[in-house]
C-alpha atoms as a PDB file:
ATOM      1  CA  UNK A   1      -9.404 -33.219 -51.376  1.00  0.00           C
ATOM      2  CA  UNK A   2      -6.580 -31.301 -49.708  1.00  0.00           C
ATOM      3  CA  UNK A   3      -8.082 -28.484 -47.667  1.00  0.00           C
ATOM      4  CA  UNK A   4      -5.392 -26.142 -46.411  1.00  0.00           C
ATOM      5  CA  UNK A   5      -7.623 -23.571 -44.734  1.00  0.00           C
ATOM      6  CA  UNK A   6     -11.118 -23.179 -43.345  1.00  0.00           C
ATOM      7  CA  UNK A   7     -12.826 -19.853 -42.619  1.00  0.00           C
ATOM      8  CA  UNK A   8     -16.003 -20.532 -40.700  1.00  0.00           C
ATOM      9  CA  UNK A   9     -17.779 -17.297 -41.587  1.00  0.00           C
ATOM     10  CA  UNK A  10     -17.510 -14.766 -44.389  1.00  0.00           C
ATOM     11  CA  UNK A  11     -19.949 -11.979 -45.180  1.00  0.00           C
ATOM     12  CA  UNK A  12     -17.882 -10.672 -48.104  1.00  0.00           C
ATOM     13  CA  UNK A  13     -16.908 -13.538 -50.383  1.00  0.00           C
ATOM     14  CA  UNK A  14     -20.307 -14.789 -51.558  1.00  0.00           C
ATOM     15  CA  UNK A  15     -22.584 -12.018 -52.855  1.00  0.00           C
ATOM     16  CA  UNK A  16     -25.748 -11.700 -50.770  1.00  0.00           C
ATOM     17  CA  UNK A  17     -24.950 -14.889 -48.844  1.00  0.00           C
ATOM     18  CA  UNK A  18     -23.671 -15.772 -45.396  1.00  0.00           C
ATOM     19  CA  UNK A  19     -21.078 -18.464 -46.004  1.00  0.00           C
ATOM     20  CA  UNK A  20     -18.193 -20.543 -44.785  1.00  0.00           C
ATOM     21  CA  UNK A  21     -15.102 -20.790 -46.975  1.00  0.00           C
ATOM     22  CA  UNK A  22     -12.472 -23.463 -47.613  1.00  0.00           C
ATOM     23  CA  UNK A  23      -9.070 -23.037 -49.249  1.00  0.00           C
ATOM     24  CA  UNK A  24      -7.807 -25.977 -51.305  1.00  0.00           C
ATOM     25  CA  UNK A  25      -4.114 -26.766 -51.507  1.00  0.00           C
ATOM     26  CA  UNK A  26      -2.151 -26.478 -54.750  1.00  0.00           C
ATOM     27  CA  UNK A  27      -2.436 -24.410 -57.916  1.00  0.00           C
ATOM     28  CA  UNK A  28      -1.683 -24.573 -61.638  1.00  0.00           C
ATOM     29  CA  UNK A  29      -0.421 -20.978 -61.577  1.00  0.00           C
ATOM     30  CA  UNK A  30       2.395 -19.241 -59.726  1.00  0.00           C
ATOM     31  CA  UNK A  31       1.333 -15.599 -59.817  1.00  0.00           C
ATOM     32  CA  UNK A  32       4.053 -13.484 -58.182  1.00  0.00           C
ATOM     33  CA  UNK A  33       1.523 -11.459 -56.174  1.00  0.00           C
ATOM     34  CA  UNK A  34      -0.423 -14.459 -54.842  1.00  0.00           C
ATOM     35  CA  UNK A  35      -1.478 -13.546 -51.297  1.00  0.00           C
ATOM     36  CA  UNK A  36      -1.968 -17.204 -50.312  1.00  0.00           C
ATOM     37  CA  UNK A  37       1.558 -18.515 -51.013  1.00  0.00           C
ATOM     38  CA  UNK A  38       1.195 -21.316 -48.464  1.00  0.00           C
ATOM     39  CA  UNK A  39      -1.462 -22.798 -50.751  1.00  0.00           C
ATOM     40  CA  UNK A  40       1.056 -22.882 -53.610  1.00  0.00           C
ATOM     41  CA  UNK A  41       4.005 -24.263 -51.663  1.00  0.00           C
ATOM     42  CA  UNK A  42       2.714 -26.135 -48.625  1.00  0.00           C
ATOM     43  CA  UNK A  43       4.531 -25.336 -45.369  1.00  0.00           C
ATOM     44  CA  UNK A  44       6.384 -28.216 -43.769  1.00  0.00           C
ATOM     45  CA  UNK A  45       4.181 -30.123 -41.354  1.00  0.00           C
ATOM     46  CA  UNK A  46       0.913 -28.653 -42.617  1.00  0.00           C
ATOM     47  CA  UNK A  47      -2.198 -30.255 -41.141  1.00  0.00           C
ATOM     48  CA  UNK A  48      -4.908 -30.622 -43.761  1.00  0.00           C
ATOM     49  CA  UNK A  49      -8.526 -30.241 -42.708  1.00  0.00           C
ATOM     50  CA  UNK A  50     -10.664 -33.353 -43.188  1.00  0.00           C
ATOM     51  CA  UNK A  51     -13.637 -32.960 -45.520  1.00  0.00           C
ATOM     52  CA  UNK A  52     -15.923 -34.449 -42.872  1.00  0.00           C
ATOM     53  CA  UNK A  53     -14.965 -31.705 -40.432  1.00  0.00           C
ATOM     54  CA  UNK A  54     -16.215 -29.123 -42.927  1.00  0.00           C
ATOM     55  CA  UNK A  55     -19.403 -31.047 -43.637  1.00  0.00           C
ATOM     56  CA  UNK A  56     -20.108 -31.528 -39.920  1.00  0.00           C
ATOM     57  CA  UNK A  57     -19.643 -27.806 -39.335  1.00  0.00           C
ATOM     58  CA  UNK A  58     -22.067 -26.944 -42.138  1.00  0.00           C
ATOM     59  CA  UNK A  59     -24.683 -29.228 -40.614  1.00  0.00           C
ATOM     60  CA  UNK A  60     -24.189 -27.604 -37.192  1.00  0.00           C
ATOM     61  CA  UNK A  61     -24.664 -24.098 -38.674  1.00  0.00           C
ATOM     62  CA  UNK A  62     -27.490 -24.912 -41.061  1.00  0.00           C
ATOM     63  CA  UNK A  63     -29.706 -22.208 -39.574  1.00  0.00           C
ATOM     64  CA  UNK A  64     -26.988 -19.545 -39.898  1.00  0.00           C
ATOM     65  CA  UNK A  65     -25.174 -20.222 -43.178  1.00  0.00           C
ATOM     66  CA  UNK A  66     -26.486 -20.030 -46.731  1.00  0.00           C
ATOM     67  CA  UNK A  67     -23.534 -21.462 -48.583  1.00  0.00           C
ATOM     68  CA  UNK A  68     -19.928 -22.523 -48.960  1.00  0.00           C
ATOM     69  CA  UNK A  69     -17.192 -20.752 -50.915  1.00  0.00           C
ATOM     70  CA  UNK A  70     -14.577 -23.078 -52.394  1.00  0.00           C
ATOM     71  CA  UNK A  71     -11.389 -21.228 -53.255  1.00  0.00           C
ATOM     72  CA  UNK A  72      -7.667 -21.890 -53.288  1.00  0.00           C
ATOM     73  CA  UNK A  73      -5.153 -22.448 -54.613  1.00  0.00           C
ATOM     74  CA  UNK A  74      -7.100 -23.895 -57.514  1.00  0.00           C
ATOM     75  CA  UNK A  75      -9.998 -26.159 -56.470  1.00  0.00           C
ATOM     76  CA  UNK A  76     -10.477 -27.808 -59.871  1.00  0.00           C
ATOM     77  CA  UNK A  77      -7.167 -29.680 -59.680  1.00  0.00           C
ATOM     78  CA  UNK A  78      -8.727 -31.974 -57.063  1.00  0.00           C
ATOM     79  CA  UNK A  79     -10.333 -35.063 -58.550  1.00  0.00           C
ATOM     80  CA  UNK A  80     -12.737 -35.418 -55.642  1.00  0.00           C
ATOM     81  CA  UNK A  81     -14.004 -31.828 -55.880  1.00  0.00           C
ATOM     82  CA  UNK A  82     -17.181 -32.836 -57.708  1.00  0.00           C
ATOM     83  CA  UNK A  83     -18.055 -35.518 -55.171  1.00  0.00           C
ATOM     84  CA  UNK A  84     -17.410 -33.093 -52.315  1.00  0.00           C
ATOM     85  CA  UNK A  85     -19.677 -30.460 -53.862  1.00  0.00           C
ATOM     86  CA  UNK A  86     -22.414 -33.058 -54.288  1.00  0.00           C
ATOM     87  CA  UNK A  87     -22.256 -33.687 -50.536  1.00  0.00           C
ATOM     88  CA  UNK A  88     -22.461 -29.955 -49.785  1.00  0.00           C
ATOM     89  CA  UNK A  89     -25.440 -29.540 -52.109  1.00  0.00           C
ATOM     90  CA  UNK A  90     -27.157 -32.564 -50.588  1.00  0.00           C
ATOM     91  CA  UNK A  91     -27.017 -30.738 -47.249  1.00  0.00           C
ATOM     92  CA  UNK A  92     -28.973 -27.880 -48.818  1.00  0.00           C
ATOM     93  CA  UNK A  93     -26.198 -25.287 -49.183  1.00  0.00           C
ATOM     94  CA  UNK A  94     -25.411 -23.045 -52.129  1.00  0.00           C
ATOM     95  CA  UNK A  95     -21.892 -23.303 -53.585  1.00  0.00           C
ATOM     96  CA  UNK A  96     -19.645 -20.561 -54.935  1.00  0.00           C
ATOM     97  CA  UNK A  97     -16.567 -21.761 -56.800  1.00  0.00           C
ATOM     98  CA  UNK A  98     -13.474 -19.632 -57.407  1.00  0.00           C
ATOM     99  CA  UNK A  99     -11.328 -20.805 -60.324  1.00  0.00           C
ATOM    100  CA  UNK A 100      -8.446 -19.733 -62.525  1.00  0.00           C
ATOM    101  CA  UNK A 101     -10.044 -21.529 -65.453  1.00  0.00           C
ATOM    102  CA  UNK A 102      -7.427 -24.175 -66.176  1.00  0.00           C
ATOM    103  CA  UNK A 103      -9.821 -27.128 -65.942  1.00  0.00           C
ATOM    104  CA  UNK A 104     -12.715 -26.597 -68.364  1.00  0.00           C
ATOM    105  CA  UNK A 105     -13.547 -30.317 -68.184  1.00  0.00           C
ATOM    106  CA  UNK A 106     -14.323 -30.002 -64.483  1.00  0.00           C
ATOM    107  CA  UNK A 107     -16.374 -26.857 -65.042  1.00  0.00           C
ATOM    108  CA  UNK A 108     -18.347 -28.622 -67.799  1.00  0.00           C
ATOM    109  CA  UNK A 109     -19.115 -31.483 -65.419  1.00  0.00           C
ATOM    110  CA  UNK A 110     -20.188 -29.105 -62.662  1.00  0.00           C
ATOM    111  CA  UNK A 111     -22.477 -27.271 -65.065  1.00  0.00           C
ATOM    112  CA  UNK A 112     -23.972 -30.503 -66.378  1.00  0.00           C
ATOM    113  CA  UNK A 113     -24.983 -31.478 -62.841  1.00  0.00           C
ATOM    114  CA  UNK A 114     -25.974 -27.940 -61.845  1.00  0.00           C
ATOM    115  CA  UNK A 115     -23.665 -28.151 -58.835  1.00  0.00           C
ATOM    116  CA  UNK A 116     -22.398 -24.558 -58.679  1.00  0.00           C
ATOM    117  CA  UNK A 117     -24.625 -21.580 -57.891  1.00  0.00           C
ATOM    118  CA  UNK A 118     -22.041 -18.824 -58.441  1.00  0.00           C
ATOM    119  CA  UNK A 119     -18.709 -18.717 -60.272  1.00  0.00           C
ATOM    120  CA  UNK A 120     -15.836 -16.293 -59.748  1.00  0.00           C
ATOM    121  CA  UNK A 121     -13.073 -16.558 -62.338  1.00  0.00           C
ATOM    122  CA  UNK A 122      -9.743 -14.786 -62.284  1.00  0.00           C
ATOM    123  CA  UNK A 123      -8.877 -12.967 -65.484  1.00  0.00           C
ATOM    124  CA  UNK A 124      -5.134 -12.579 -65.074  1.00  0.00           C
ATOM    125  CA  UNK A 125      -4.223 -10.505 -68.130  1.00  0.00           C
ATOM    126  CA  UNK A 126      -5.077  -9.806 -71.737  1.00  0.00           C
ATOM    127  CA  UNK A 127      -4.987 -13.122 -73.602  1.00  0.00           C
ATOM    128  CA  UNK A 128      -1.724 -12.387 -75.420  1.00  0.00           C
ATOM    129  CA  UNK A 129       0.113 -11.608 -72.171  1.00  0.00           C
ATOM    130  CA  UNK A 130      -1.520 -14.137 -69.864  1.00  0.00           C
ATOM    131  CA  UNK A 131       1.515 -16.153 -68.874  1.00  0.00           C
ATOM    132  CA  UNK A 132       3.479 -13.002 -67.999  1.00  0.00           C
ATOM    133  CA  UNK A 133       1.562 -13.278 -64.726  1.00  0.00           C
ATOM    134  CA  UNK A 134       0.289 -16.874 -64.522  1.00  0.00           C
ATOM    135  CA  UNK A 135       3.758 -18.462 -64.901  1.00  0.00           C
ATOM    136  CA  UNK A 136       2.061 -21.722 -65.838  1.00  0.00           C
ATOM    137  CA  UNK A 137       3.780 -24.763 -67.317  1.00  0.00           C
ATOM    138  CA  UNK A 138       0.509 -26.349 -68.435  1.00  0.00           C
ATOM    139  CA  UNK A 139       0.322 -27.333 -72.111  1.00  0.00           C
ATOM    140  CA  UNK A 140      -2.363 -25.353 -73.961  1.00  0.00           C
ATOM    141  CA  UNK A 141      -2.991 -23.302 -70.823  1.00  0.00           C
ATOM    142  CA  UNK A 142      -4.448 -20.282 -72.606  1.00  0.00           C
ATOM    143  CA  UNK A 143      -6.854 -22.408 -74.663  1.00  0.00           C
ATOM    144  CA  UNK A 144      -8.113 -24.055 -71.484  1.00  0.00           C
ATOM    145  CA  UNK A 145      -8.624 -20.714 -69.750  1.00  0.00           C
ATOM    146  CA  UNK A 146     -10.466 -19.272 -72.742  1.00  0.00           C
ATOM    147  CA  UNK A 147     -12.739 -22.314 -72.874  1.00  0.00           C
ATOM    148  CA  UNK A 148     -13.620 -21.997 -69.186  1.00  0.00           C
ATOM    149  CA  UNK A 149     -14.215 -18.271 -69.637  1.00  0.00           C
ATOM    150  CA  UNK A 150     -16.690 -18.992 -72.433  1.00  0.00           C
ATOM    151  CA  UNK A 151     -18.368 -21.804 -70.499  1.00  0.00           C
ATOM    152  CA  UNK A 152     -19.001 -19.529 -67.532  1.00  0.00           C
ATOM    153  CA  UNK A 153     -20.121 -16.644 -69.750  1.00  0.00           C
ATOM    154  CA  UNK A 154     -22.714 -18.809 -71.459  1.00  0.00           C
ATOM    155  CA  UNK A 155     -23.758 -20.873 -68.431  1.00  0.00           C
ATOM    156  CA  UNK A 156     -26.690 -18.788 -67.252  1.00  0.00           C
ATOM    157  CA  UNK A 157     -25.212 -19.122 -63.739  1.00  0.00           C
ATOM    158  CA  UNK A 158     -24.502 -15.910 -61.760  1.00  0.00           C
ATOM    159  CA  UNK A 159     -20.798 -15.105 -62.058  1.00  0.00           C
ATOM    160  CA  UNK A 160     -18.073 -12.515 -61.896  1.00  0.00           C
ATOM    161  CA  UNK A 161     -14.673 -11.990 -63.427  1.00  0.00           C
ATOM    162  CA  UNK A 162     -11.880 -10.284 -61.558  1.00  0.00           C
ATOM    163  CA  UNK A 163      -8.361  -9.051 -62.144  1.00  0.00           C
ATOM    164  CA  UNK A 164      -5.721  -8.301 -59.537  1.00  0.00           C
ATOM    165  CA  UNK A 165      -3.996  -5.105 -60.655  1.00  0.00           C
ATOM    166  CA  UNK A 166      -0.255  -5.732 -60.932  1.00  0.00           C
ATOM    167  CA  UNK A 167       1.524  -2.414 -61.634  1.00  0.00           C
ATOM    168  CA  UNK A 168       4.461  -2.854 -63.976  1.00  0.00           C
ATOM    169  CA  UNK A 169       2.792  -5.819 -65.686  1.00  0.00           C
ATOM    170  CA  UNK A 170      -0.618  -4.312 -66.409  1.00  0.00           C
ATOM    171  CA  UNK A 171      -1.337  -1.109 -68.295  1.00  0.00           C
ATOM    172  CA  UNK A 172      -4.561   0.885 -68.551  1.00  0.00           C
ATOM    173  CA  UNK A 173      -4.956  -0.453 -72.095  1.00  0.00           C
ATOM    174  CA  UNK A 174      -4.854  -4.043 -70.813  1.00  0.00           C
ATOM    175  CA  UNK A 175      -7.917  -3.479 -68.617  1.00  0.00           C
ATOM    176  CA  UNK A 176      -9.719  -1.896 -71.549  1.00  0.00           C
ATOM    177  CA  UNK A 177      -9.016  -5.031 -73.592  1.00  0.00           C
ATOM    178  CA  UNK A 178     -10.122  -7.380 -70.810  1.00  0.00           C
ATOM    179  CA  UNK A 179     -13.344  -5.477 -70.191  1.00  0.00           C
ATOM    180  CA  UNK A 180     -14.006  -5.835 -73.896  1.00  0.00           C
ATOM    181  CA  UNK A 181     -14.148  -9.625 -73.504  1.00  0.00           C
ATOM    182  CA  UNK A 182     -17.255  -9.355 -71.321  1.00  0.00           C
ATOM    183  CA  UNK A 183     -20.902  -9.413 -72.355  1.00  0.00           C
ATOM    184  CA  UNK A 184     -23.525  -6.832 -71.358  1.00  0.00           C
ATOM    185  CA  UNK A 185     -24.704  -7.325 -67.795  1.00  0.00           C
ATOM    186  CA  UNK A 186     -21.567  -9.139 -66.604  1.00  0.00           C
ATOM    187  CA  UNK A 187     -19.625  -8.153 -63.500  1.00  0.00           C
ATOM    188  CA  UNK A 188     -15.944  -7.241 -63.517  1.00  0.00           C
ATOM    189  CA  UNK A 189     -13.913  -6.386 -60.417  1.00  0.00           C
ATOM    190  CA  UNK A 190     -10.468  -4.810 -60.351  1.00  0.00           C
ATOM    191  CA  UNK A 191      -8.673  -5.833 -57.170  1.00  0.00           C
ATOM    192  CA  UNK A 192      -5.804  -3.842 -55.724  1.00  0.00           C
ATOM    193  CA  UNK A 193      -2.623  -5.820 -55.197  1.00  0.00           C
ATOM    194  CA  UNK A 194      -1.767  -6.572 -51.568  1.00  0.00           C
ATOM    195  CA  UNK A 195       1.976  -6.530 -50.888  1.00  0.00           C
ATOM    196  CA  UNK A 196       1.935  -7.720 -47.262  1.00  0.00           C
ATOM    197  CA  UNK A 197       2.275 -11.434 -48.141  1.00  0.00           C
ATOM    198  CA  UNK A 198       3.145 -12.526 -51.694  1.00  0.00           C
ATOM    199  CA  UNK A 199       4.556 -15.595 -53.417  1.00  0.00           C
ATOM    200  CA  UNK A 200       7.563 -13.604 -54.629  1.00  0.00           C
ATOM    201  CA  UNK A 201       9.031 -11.900 -51.609  1.00  0.00           C
ATOM    202  CA  UNK A 202      10.639  -8.833 -53.182  1.00  0.00           C
ATOM    203  CA  UNK A 203       8.077  -7.356 -55.538  1.00  0.00           C
ATOM    204  CA  UNK A 204       8.806  -3.807 -56.654  1.00  0.00           C
ATOM    205  CA  UNK A 205       6.436  -1.507 -54.776  1.00  0.00           C
ATOM    206  CA  UNK A 206       7.460   1.512 -56.840  1.00  0.00           C
ATOM    207  CA  UNK A 207       5.044   0.955 -59.718  1.00  0.00           C
ATOM    208  CA  UNK A 208       1.688   2.662 -59.369  1.00  0.00           C
ATOM    209  CA  UNK A 209      -1.619   2.570 -61.232  1.00  0.00           C
ATOM    210  CA  UNK A 210      -4.630   4.697 -60.347  1.00  0.00           C
ATOM    211  CA  UNK A 211      -7.187   1.903 -60.038  1.00  0.00           C
ATOM    212  CA  UNK A 212     -10.040   4.260 -59.161  1.00  0.00           C
ATOM    213  CA  UNK A 213      -9.423   6.242 -62.336  1.00  0.00           C
ATOM    214  CA  UNK A 214      -9.132   3.075 -64.446  1.00  0.00           C
ATOM    215  CA  UNK A 215     -12.438   1.769 -63.082  1.00  0.00           C
ATOM    216  CA  UNK A 216     -14.204   5.062 -63.799  1.00  0.00           C
ATOM    217  CA  UNK A 217     -12.842   5.148 -67.343  1.00  0.00           C
ATOM    218  CA  UNK A 218     -14.044   1.583 -67.919  1.00  0.00           C
ATOM    219  CA  UNK A 219     -17.477   2.379 -66.497  1.00  0.00           C
ATOM    220  CA  UNK A 220     -17.742   5.331 -68.860  1.00  0.00           C
ATOM    221  CA  UNK A 221     -16.731   3.230 -71.867  1.00  0.00           C
ATOM    222  CA  UNK A 222     -18.670   0.064 -70.933  1.00  0.00           C
ATOM    223  CA  UNK A 223     -21.867   1.292 -69.210  1.00  0.00           C
ATOM    224  CA  UNK A 224     -23.508  -2.060 -69.946  1.00  0.00           C
ATOM    225  CA  UNK A 225     -21.082  -3.827 -67.572  1.00  0.00           C
ATOM    226  CA  UNK A 226     -21.009  -3.827 -63.773  1.00  0.00           C
ATOM    227  CA  UNK A 227     -17.452  -2.684 -63.074  1.00  0.00           C
ATOM    228  CA  UNK A 228     -16.160  -1.961 -59.577  1.00  0.00           C
ATOM    229  CA  UNK A 229     -12.981  -1.572 -57.555  1.00  0.00           C
ATOM    230  CA  UNK A 230     -12.430  -4.110 -54.823  1.00  0.00           C
END
C-alpha cells in the first residue's frame, strides 16, 4: 500500500478516539478543491512510508492510542488495504476509514469481515451533478458511489457523511437534496472549502455561501439528522 503521509496523533479525525492517521497515495477523483493535491499527483522523489513503520509505531503507542484513521487520496484503490487493516485490528486498534465510495466491492469485503469500526464517506454533490465536482473517468462511477452509500447506511456501523461546500458549484437547494438522502439518526457535516492549497491553483474566491445559515436551515427541516458545520 502506498502511504504518502503519516500523522502520529489526531484528536479530531476519529470521533471520541485518540488516533494516528495515514494518508494513502492516489485517488479516483480529481476534485478541484482537494486540499491534499500531493496525494493526487505525487511529487517527484516522494518517499513512501513503509507499512511496517506504521505498525511498529502503533505497537509502541498501544497505551496511548485507540485507533487508526485511514484516509487519502482514496484508500480503497489499494489492493492490500484489507490485509493491512487486518494487521491493525490484530494489534487491538479500532479503524476509521475515509472513502469517496468508488469501490463498493472493497467496502462489502470490509463489512463481511467486520474490519472497520467507523466510516466517513464524502458526498460530493447531488447525484445528478456528482461529476461536476468529482471529475472522475471511472465507468459507472455514480452507480458505484450510490452502492457504497447504501452499504454504509445499512451496515449498522457508526458512520458520517460529509460535503465540502464549493461555492459556485453548490447551491442551497443541493444541500437540501443531499440531506434528504440520509436516514433518521445519521450524521451529516458541511465542511467549508479551504483555499490555501488546492488541486486547481486558481479557484475563484469570489463565490460565497453562508454555510452557517445553510446548516441551520437543514437542522430546522431535518431535526431527525445530526447536521453540523465543520
